[in-house]
Amino acid sequence: MSKKSSSKTQEKISREIEKLMSEWKETKKMTTSRATYRPKTQEEAMRQAAAIAYGKHKVGRSGSKRKKKK
């Protein structure tokens, strides 16, 4: 991944985290297409938002696809 596309991806991830955190502050829950999360504290919410955002953009551990071992 080049620096330019990497920074664009990071910007998208940051915007996604901001969106999820604002949703959590209003409703105390985060909704994705798969599930609804209800973190109790702001720290938990931030971690969950980061996990959702990185997974959505297939970056990091939660978003990487693992190959099956035979």
C-alpha atoms as a PDB file:
ATOM      1  CA  MET A   1       0.000   0.000   0.000  1.00  0.00           C
ATOM      2  CA  SER A   2       1.460   3.377  -0.947  1.00  0.00           C
ATOM      3  CA  LYS A   3       1.708   6.298   1.459  1.00  0.00           C
ATOM      4  CA  LYS A   4      -1.021   8.214  -0.341  1.00  0.00           C
ATOM      5  CA  SER A   5      -3.583   5.424  -0.232  1.00  0.00           C
ATOM      6  CA  SER A   6      -2.575   4.589   3.310  1.00  0.00           C
ATOM      7  CA  SER A   7      -3.294   8.116   4.518  1.00  0.00           C
ATOM      8  CA  LYS A   8      -6.610   8.145   2.648  1.00  0.00           C
ATOM      9  CA  THR A   9      -7.562   4.881   4.299  1.00  0.00           C
ATOM     10  CA  GLN A  10      -6.570   6.269   7.697  1.00  0.00           C
ATOM     11  CA  GLU A  11      -8.747   9.351   7.077  1.00  0.00           C
ATOM     12  CA  LYS A  12     -11.708   7.120   6.235  1.00  0.00           C
ATOM     13  CA  ILE A  13     -11.112   5.065   9.373  1.00  0.00           C
ATOM     14  CA  SER A  14     -10.922   8.224  11.500  1.00  0.00           C
ATOM     15  CA  ARG A  15     -14.202   9.514  10.068  1.00  0.00           C
ATOM     16  CA  GLU A  16     -15.844   6.147  10.726  1.00  0.00           C
ATOM     17  CA  ILE A  17     -14.661   6.184  14.351  1.00  0.00           C
ATOM     18  CA  GLU A  18     -15.966   9.745  14.816  1.00  0.00           C
ATOM     19  CA  LYS A  19     -19.336   8.733  13.370  1.00  0.00           C
ATOM     20  CA  LEU A  20     -19.603   5.678  15.630  1.00  0.00           C
ATOM     21  CA  MET A  21     -18.570   7.647  18.726  1.00  0.00           C
ATOM     22  CA  SER A  22     -21.135  10.383  18.069  1.00  0.00           C
ATOM     23  CA  GLU A  23     -23.797   7.689  17.641  1.00  0.00           C
ATOM     24  CA  TRP A  24     -22.694   6.116  20.948  1.00  0.00           C
ATOM     25  CA  LYS A  25     -22.806   9.469  22.771  1.00  0.00           C
ATOM     26  CA  GLU A  26     -26.401  10.034  21.632  1.00  0.00           C
ATOM     27  CA  THR A  27     -27.851   6.538  22.002  1.00  0.00           C
ATOM     28  CA  LYS A  28     -25.266   4.558  24.033  1.00  0.00           C
ATOM     29  CA  LYS A  29     -25.114   1.960  21.267  1.00  0.00           C
ATOM     30  CA  MET A  30     -23.335   1.360  17.953  1.00  0.00           C
ATOM     31  CA  THR A  31     -25.127  -0.294  15.082  1.00  0.00           C
ATOM     32  CA  THR A  32     -23.481  -2.091  12.178  1.00  0.00           C
ATOM     33  CA  SER A  33     -24.987  -4.278   9.497  1.00  0.00           C
ATOM     34  CA  ARG A  34     -24.133  -7.363  11.555  1.00  0.00           C
ATOM     35  CA  ALA A  35     -24.788  -6.395  15.162  1.00  0.00           C
ATOM     36  CA  THR A  36     -25.627  -3.741  17.715  1.00  0.00           C
ATOM     37  CA  TYR A  37     -22.986  -3.064  20.357  1.00  0.00           C
ATOM     38  CA  ARG A  38     -23.722  -1.440  23.722  1.00  0.00           C
ATOM     39  CA  PRO A  39     -20.419  -0.515  25.381  1.00  0.00           C
ATOM     40  CA  LYS A  40     -20.877   0.787  28.927  1.00  0.00           C
ATOM     41  CA  THR A  41     -17.947   3.227  29.115  1.00  0.00           C
ATOM     42  CA  GLN A  42     -16.417   5.688  26.686  1.00  0.00           C
ATOM     43  CA  GLU A  43     -13.160   3.710  26.683  1.00  0.00           C
ATOM     44  CA  GLU A  44     -14.990   0.518  25.698  1.00  0.00           C
ATOM     45  CA  ALA A  45     -16.895   2.455  23.046  1.00  0.00           C
ATOM     46  CA  MET A  46     -13.677   3.860  21.566  1.00  0.00           C
ATOM     47  CA  ARG A  47     -12.103   0.404  21.374  1.00  0.00           C
ATOM     48  CA  GLN A  48     -15.216  -1.069  19.774  1.00  0.00           C
ATOM     49  CA  ALA A  49     -15.465   1.800  17.283  1.00  0.00           C
ATOM     50  CA  ALA A  50     -11.824   1.292  16.291  1.00  0.00           C
ATOM     51  CA  ALA A  51     -12.348  -2.445  15.869  1.00  0.00           C
ATOM     52  CA  ILE A  52     -15.418  -1.867  13.696  1.00  0.00           C
ATOM     53  CA  ALA A  53     -13.715   0.797  11.560  1.00  0.00           C
ATOM     54  CA  TYR A  54     -10.476  -1.130  11.004  1.00  0.00           C
ATOM     55  CA  GLY A  55     -12.407  -4.310  10.219  1.00  0.00           C
ATOM     56  CA  LYS A  56     -14.624  -2.486   7.750  1.00  0.00           C
ATOM     57  CA  HIS A  57     -11.561  -1.268   5.834  1.00  0.00           C
ATOM     58  CA  LYS A  58      -9.766  -4.622   6.165  1.00  0.00           C
ATOM     59  CA  VAL A  59      -6.795  -3.217   8.056  1.00  0.00           C
ATOM     60  CA  GLY A  60      -5.167  -4.887  11.030  1.00  0.00           C
ATOM     61  CA  ARG A  61      -5.961  -8.053  12.849  1.00  0.00           C
ATOM     62  CA  SER A  62      -9.747  -7.811  12.834  1.00  0.00           C
ATOM     63  CA  GLY A  63      -9.944  -7.062   9.130  1.00  0.00           C
ATOM     64  CA  SER A  64      -7.309  -9.379   7.708  1.00  0.00           C
ATOM     65  CA  LYS A  65      -8.460 -12.600   6.176  1.00  0.00           C
ATOM     66  CA  ARG A  66      -6.692 -15.719   7.356  1.00  0.00           C
ATOM     67  CA  LYS A  67      -5.920 -18.624   5.069  1.00  0.00           C
ATOM     68  CA  LYS A  68      -7.271 -21.978   6.140  1.00  0.00           C
ATOM     69  CA  LYS A  69      -4.682 -24.597   7.015  1.00  0.00           C
ATOM     70  CA  LYS A  70      -5.047 -27.932   5.288  1.00  0.00           C
END
